[in-house]
């Protein structure tokens, strides 16, 4: 399996984690540390879902 150099579908994972990090910092003071960790995991999950959709569309 050769990977295209211009394939940036895996960037969705990093983008989802950064999105979750931003949302987690927003809720850190009001909801606590569990909401912070939960938003990071949700961001990771969203990034993985977007990556799988993008890779399926390219095939």
PDB file of N, CA and C in Angstrom:
ATOM      1  N   UNK A   1       0.840  -1.174   0.000  1.00  0.00           N
ATOM      2  CA  UNK A   1       0.000   0.000   0.000  1.00  0.00           C
ATOM      3  C   UNK A   1       0.886   1.238   0.000  1.00  0.00           C
ATOM      4  N   UNK A   2       0.802   2.033  -1.018  1.00  0.00           N
ATOM      5  CA  UNK A   2       1.565   3.268  -1.083  1.00  0.00           C
ATOM      6  C   UNK A   2       0.674   4.425  -0.685  1.00  0.00           C
ATOM      7  N   UNK A   3       1.235   5.322   0.070  1.00  0.00           N
ATOM      8  CA  UNK A   3       0.474   6.462   0.570  1.00  0.00           C
ATOM      9  C   UNK A   3       0.801   7.691  -0.275  1.00  0.00           C
ATOM     10  N   UNK A   4      -0.218   8.389  -0.707  1.00  0.00           N
ATOM     11  CA  UNK A   4      -0.046   9.602  -1.485  1.00  0.00           C
ATOM     12  C   UNK A   4       0.544  10.693  -0.589  1.00  0.00           C
ATOM     13  N   UNK A   5       1.547  11.412  -1.095  1.00  0.00           N
ATOM     14  CA  UNK A   5       2.174  12.465  -0.297  1.00  0.00           C
ATOM     15  C   UNK A   5       1.210  13.614  -0.014  1.00  0.00           C
ATOM     16  N   UNK A   6       0.250  13.817  -0.889  1.00  0.00           N
ATOM     17  CA  UNK A   6      -0.686  14.918  -0.709  1.00  0.00           C
ATOM     18  C   UNK A   6      -1.922  14.526   0.092  1.00  0.00           C
ATOM     19  N   UNK A   7      -1.968  13.298   0.597  1.00  0.00           N
ATOM     20  CA  UNK A   7      -3.116  12.844   1.384  1.00  0.00           C
ATOM     21  C   UNK A   7      -3.035  13.434   2.787  1.00  0.00           C
ATOM     22  N   UNK A   8      -3.982  14.274   3.101  1.00  0.00           N
ATOM     23  CA  UNK A   8      -3.966  14.928   4.408  1.00  0.00           C
ATOM     24  C   UNK A   8      -5.170  14.512   5.249  1.00  0.00           C
ATOM     25  N   UNK A   9      -5.686  13.323   4.975  1.00  0.00           N
ATOM     26  CA  UNK A   9      -6.847  12.868   5.737  1.00  0.00           C
ATOM     27  C   UNK A   9      -6.482  12.578   7.187  1.00  0.00           C
ATOM     28  N   UNK A  10      -5.230  12.231   7.444  1.00  0.00           N
ATOM     29  CA  UNK A  10      -4.834  11.961   8.830  1.00  0.00           C
ATOM     30  C   UNK A  10      -4.720  13.237   9.654  1.00  0.00           C
ATOM     31  N   UNK A  11      -4.725  14.370   9.014  1.00  0.00           N
ATOM     32  CA  UNK A  11      -4.703  15.622   9.756  1.00  0.00           C
ATOM     33  C   UNK A  11      -5.988  15.816  10.555  1.00  0.00           C
ATOM     34  N   UNK A  12      -7.037  15.112  10.192  1.00  0.00           N
ATOM     35  CA  UNK A  12      -8.305  15.230  10.909  1.00  0.00           C
ATOM     36  C   UNK A  12      -8.164  14.742  12.343  1.00  0.00           C
ATOM     37  N   UNK A  13      -7.283  13.780  12.583  1.00  0.00           N
ATOM     38  CA  UNK A  13      -7.074  13.284  13.946  1.00  0.00           C
ATOM     39  C   UNK A  13      -6.470  14.385  14.808  1.00  0.00           C
ATOM     40  N   UNK A  14      -5.411  15.005  14.313  1.00  0.00           N
ATOM     41  CA  UNK A  14      -4.785  16.095  15.058  1.00  0.00           C
ATOM     42  C   UNK A  14      -5.710  17.279  15.233  1.00  0.00           C
ATOM     43  N   UNK A  15      -6.478  17.577  14.197  1.00  0.00           N
ATOM     44  CA  UNK A  15      -7.436  18.673  14.302  1.00  0.00           C
ATOM     45  C   UNK A  15      -8.526  18.388  15.317  1.00  0.00           C
ATOM     46  N   UNK A  16      -8.973  17.138  15.362  1.00  0.00           N
ATOM     47  CA  UNK A  16      -9.983  16.771  16.358  1.00  0.00           C
ATOM     48  C   UNK A  16      -9.459  16.854  17.773  1.00  0.00           C
ATOM     49  N   UNK A  17      -8.197  16.448  17.962  1.00  0.00           N
ATOM     50  CA  UNK A  17      -7.604  16.538  19.296  1.00  0.00           C
ATOM     51  C   UNK A  17      -7.446  17.996  19.711  1.00  0.00           C
ATOM     52  N   UNK A  18      -7.005  18.842  18.792  1.00  0.00           N
ATOM     53  CA  UNK A  18      -6.871  20.268  19.122  1.00  0.00           C
ATOM     54  C   UNK A  18      -8.228  20.906  19.400  1.00  0.00           C
ATOM     55  N   UNK A  19      -9.245  20.481  18.675  1.00  0.00           N
ATOM     56  CA  UNK A  19     -10.594  20.978  18.943  1.00  0.00           C
ATOM     57  C   UNK A  19     -11.059  20.554  20.338  1.00  0.00           C
ATOM     58  N   UNK A  20     -10.817  19.286  20.673  1.00  0.00           N
ATOM     59  CA  UNK A  20     -11.168  18.804  22.004  1.00  0.00           C
ATOM     60  C   UNK A  20     -10.387  19.498  23.099  1.00  0.00           C
ATOM     61  N   UNK A  21      -9.136  19.830  22.822  1.00  0.00           N
ATOM     62  CA  UNK A  21      -8.312  20.550  23.792  1.00  0.00           C
ATOM     63  C   UNK A  21      -8.872  21.939  24.054  1.00  0.00           C
ATOM     64  N   UNK A  22      -9.270  22.613  22.984  1.00  0.00           N
ATOM     65  CA  UNK A  22      -9.857  23.941  23.148  1.00  0.00           C
ATOM     66  C   UNK A  22     -11.162  23.910  23.916  1.00  0.00           C
ATOM     67  N   UNK A  23     -12.016  22.959  23.587  1.00  0.00           N
ATOM     68  CA  UNK A  23     -13.285  22.827  24.309  1.00  0.00           C
ATOM     69  C   UNK A  23     -13.025  22.428  25.762  1.00  0.00           C
ATOM     70  N   UNK A  24     -12.038  21.567  25.974  1.00  0.00           N
ATOM     71  CA  UNK A  24     -11.703  21.149  27.338  1.00  0.00           C
ATOM     72  C   UNK A  24     -11.227  22.301  28.197  1.00  0.00           C
ATOM     73  N   UNK A  25     -10.413  23.192  27.626  1.00  0.00           N
ATOM     74  CA  UNK A  25      -9.970  24.361  28.393  1.00  0.00           C
ATOM     75  C   UNK A  25     -11.134  25.282  28.712  1.00  0.00           C
ATOM     76  N   UNK A  26     -12.118  25.326  27.832  1.00  0.00           N
ATOM     77  CA  UNK A  26     -13.293  26.152  28.081  1.00  0.00           C
ATOM     78  C   UNK A  26     -14.089  25.621  29.273  1.00  0.00           C
ATOM     79  N   UNK A  27     -14.214  24.291  29.385  1.00  0.00           N
ATOM     80  CA  UNK A  27     -15.003  23.687  30.457  1.00  0.00           C
ATOM     81  C   UNK A  27     -14.187  23.324  31.690  1.00  0.00           C
ATOM     82  N   UNK A  28     -12.882  23.573  31.682  1.00  0.00           N
ATOM     83  CA  UNK A  28     -12.018  23.112  32.774  1.00  0.00           C
ATOM     84  C   UNK A  28     -12.389  23.738  34.111  1.00  0.00           C
ATOM     85  N   UNK A  29     -12.633  25.031  34.137  1.00  0.00           N
ATOM     86  CA  UNK A  29     -12.942  25.689  35.413  1.00  0.00           C
ATOM     87  C   UNK A  29     -14.343  25.353  35.912  1.00  0.00           C
ATOM     88  N   UNK A  30     -15.304  25.253  35.004  1.00  0.00           N
ATOM     89  CA  UNK A  30     -16.677  25.067  35.457  1.00  0.00           C
ATOM     90  C   UNK A  30     -17.030  23.602  35.692  1.00  0.00           C
ATOM     91  N   UNK A  31     -16.590  22.698  34.831  1.00  0.00           N
ATOM     92  CA  UNK A  31     -17.030  21.308  34.929  1.00  0.00           C
ATOM     93  C   UNK A  31     -15.989  20.390  35.566  1.00  0.00           C
ATOM     94  N   UNK A  32     -14.721  20.736  35.513  1.00  0.00           N
ATOM     95  CA  UNK A  32     -13.705  19.915  36.149  1.00  0.00           C
ATOM     96  C   UNK A  32     -12.837  19.150  35.165  1.00  0.00           C
ATOM     97  N   UNK A  33     -11.958  18.346  35.730  1.00  0.00           N
ATOM     98  CA  UNK A  33     -10.948  17.644  34.939  1.00  0.00           C
ATOM     99  C   UNK A  33     -11.546  16.518  34.095  1.00  0.00           C
ATOM    100  N   UNK A  34     -12.607  15.881  34.575  1.00  0.00           N
ATOM    101  CA  UNK A  34     -13.204  14.801  33.792  1.00  0.00           C
ATOM    102  C   UNK A  34     -13.827  15.308  32.495  1.00  0.00           C
ATOM    103  N   UNK A  35     -14.384  16.499  32.520  1.00  0.00           N
ATOM    104  CA  UNK A  35     -14.913  17.091  31.295  1.00  0.00           C
ATOM    105  C   UNK A  35     -13.785  17.419  30.332  1.00  0.00           C
ATOM    106  N   UNK A  36     -12.634  17.821  30.857  1.00  0.00           N
ATOM    107  CA  UNK A  36     -11.469  18.105  30.027  1.00  0.00           C
ATOM    108  C   UNK A  36     -11.004  16.843  29.310  1.00  0.00           C
ATOM    109  N   UNK A  37     -10.858  15.754  30.051  1.00  0.00           N
ATOM    110  CA  UNK A  37     -10.431  14.487  29.456  1.00  0.00           C
ATOM    111  C   UNK A  37     -11.492  13.961  28.500  1.00  0.00           C
ATOM    112  N   UNK A  38     -12.741  14.100  28.856  1.00  0.00           N
ATOM    113  CA  UNK A  38     -13.820  13.653  27.988  1.00  0.00           C
ATOM    114  C   UNK A  38     -13.861  14.405  26.673  1.00  0.00           C
ATOM    115  N   UNK A  39     -13.607  15.695  26.713  1.00  0.00           N
ATOM    116  CA  UNK A  39     -13.605  16.461  25.466  1.00  0.00           C
ATOM    117  C   UNK A  39     -12.409  16.100  24.604  1.00  0.00           C
ATOM    118  N   UNK A  40     -11.266  15.769  25.209  1.00  0.00           N
ATOM    119  CA  UNK A  40     -10.128  15.294  24.420  1.00  0.00           C
ATOM    120  C   UNK A  40     -10.452  13.977  23.725  1.00  0.00           C
ATOM    121  N   UNK A  41     -11.077  13.067  24.447  1.00  0.00           N
ATOM    122  CA  UNK A  41     -11.450  11.786  23.843  1.00  0.00           C
ATOM    123  C   UNK A  41     -12.512  11.955  22.767  1.00  0.00           C
ATOM    124  N   UNK A  42     -13.441  12.869  22.977  1.00  0.00           N
ATOM    125  CA  UNK A  42     -14.458  13.133  21.961  1.00  0.00           C
ATOM    126  C   UNK A  42     -13.822  13.728  20.703  1.00  0.00           C
ATOM    127  N   UNK A  43     -12.860  14.623  20.881  1.00  0.00           N
ATOM    128  CA  UNK A  43     -12.153  15.188  19.739  1.00  0.00           C
ATOM    129  C   UNK A  43     -11.379  14.140  18.971  1.00  0.00           C
ATOM    130  N   UNK A  44     -10.761  13.214  19.697  1.00  0.00           N
ATOM    131  CA  UNK A  44     -10.043  12.115  19.048  1.00  0.00           C
ATOM    132  C   UNK A  44     -11.011  11.237  18.267  1.00  0.00           C
ATOM    133  N   UNK A  45     -12.155  10.934  18.847  1.00  0.00           N
ATOM    134  CA  UNK A  45     -13.151  10.110  18.167  1.00  0.00           C
ATOM    135  C   UNK A  45     -13.680  10.777  16.916  1.00  0.00           C
ATOM    136  N   UNK A  46     -13.943  12.071  16.991  1.00  0.00           N
ATOM    137  CA  UNK A  46     -14.428  12.802  15.812  1.00  0.00           C
ATOM    138  C   UNK A  46     -13.361  12.808  14.725  1.00  0.00           C
ATOM    139  N   UNK A  47     -12.104  13.011  15.113  1.00  0.00           N
ATOM    140  CA  UNK A  47     -11.019  12.984  14.129  1.00  0.00           C
ATOM    141  C   UNK A  47     -10.871  11.635  13.460  1.00  0.00           C
ATOM    142  N   UNK A  48     -11.015  10.563  14.228  1.00  0.00           N
ATOM    143  CA  UNK A  48     -10.922   9.223  13.648  1.00  0.00           C
ATOM    144  C   UNK A  48     -12.074   8.936  12.693  1.00  0.00           C
ATOM    145  N   UNK A  49     -13.265   9.394  13.044  1.00  0.00           N
ATOM    146  CA  UNK A  49     -14.418   9.191  12.166  1.00  0.00           C
ATOM    147  C   UNK A  49     -14.239   9.960  10.868  1.00  0.00           C
ATOM    148  N   UNK A  50     -13.791  11.198  10.950  1.00  0.00           N
ATOM    149  CA  UNK A  50     -13.571  11.998   9.738  1.00  0.00           C
ATOM    150  C   UNK A  50     -12.483  11.377   8.873  1.00  0.00           C
ATOM    151  N   UNK A  51     -11.418  10.875   9.512  1.00  0.00           N
ATOM    152  CA  UNK A  51     -10.343  10.227   8.748  1.00  0.00           C
ATOM    153  C   UNK A  51     -10.844   9.000   8.021  1.00  0.00           C
ATOM    154  N   UNK A  52     -11.656   8.198   8.666  1.00  0.00           N
ATOM    155  CA  UNK A  52     -12.167   6.996   7.987  1.00  0.00           C
ATOM    156  C   UNK A  52     -13.101   7.361   6.845  1.00  0.00           C
ATOM    157  N   UNK A  53     -13.885   8.402   7.002  1.00  0.00           N
ATOM    158  CA  UNK A  53     -14.766   8.842   5.913  1.00  0.00           C
ATOM    159  C   UNK A  53     -13.941   9.366   4.744  1.00  0.00           C
ATOM    160  N   UNK A  54     -12.916  10.155   5.029  1.00  0.00           N
ATOM    161  CA  UNK A  54     -12.100  10.710   3.950  1.00  0.00           C
ATOM    162  C   UNK A  54     -11.312   9.631   3.221  1.00  0.00           C
ATOM    163  N   UNK A  55     -10.798   8.660   3.959  1.00  0.00           N
ATOM    164  CA  UNK A  55     -10.023   7.611   3.301  1.00  0.00           C
ATOM    165  C   UNK A  55     -10.932   6.692   2.473  1.00  0.00           C
ATOM    166  N   UNK A  56     -12.166   6.522   2.902  1.00  0.00           N
ATOM    167  CA  UNK A  56     -13.104   5.697   2.134  1.00  0.00           C
ATOM    168  C   UNK A  56     -13.521   6.412   0.848  1.00  0.00           C
ATOM    169  N   UNK A  57     -13.649   7.729   0.902  1.00  0.00           N
ATOM    170  CA  UNK A  57     -14.025   8.493  -0.284  1.00  0.00           C
ATOM    171  C   UNK A  57     -12.900   8.510  -1.316  1.00  0.00           C
ATOM    172  N   UNK A  58     -11.650   8.441  -0.881  1.00  0.00           N
ATOM    173  CA  UNK A  58     -10.520   8.465  -1.800  1.00  0.00           C
ATOM    174  C   UNK A  58     -10.333   7.119  -2.501  1.00  0.00           C
ATOM    175  N   UNK A  59     -10.810   6.050  -1.901  1.00  0.00           N
ATOM    176  CA  UNK A  59     -10.601   4.708  -2.479  1.00  0.00           C
ATOM    177  C   UNK A  59     -11.511   4.435  -3.646  1.00  0.00           C
TER     178      UNK A  59
END
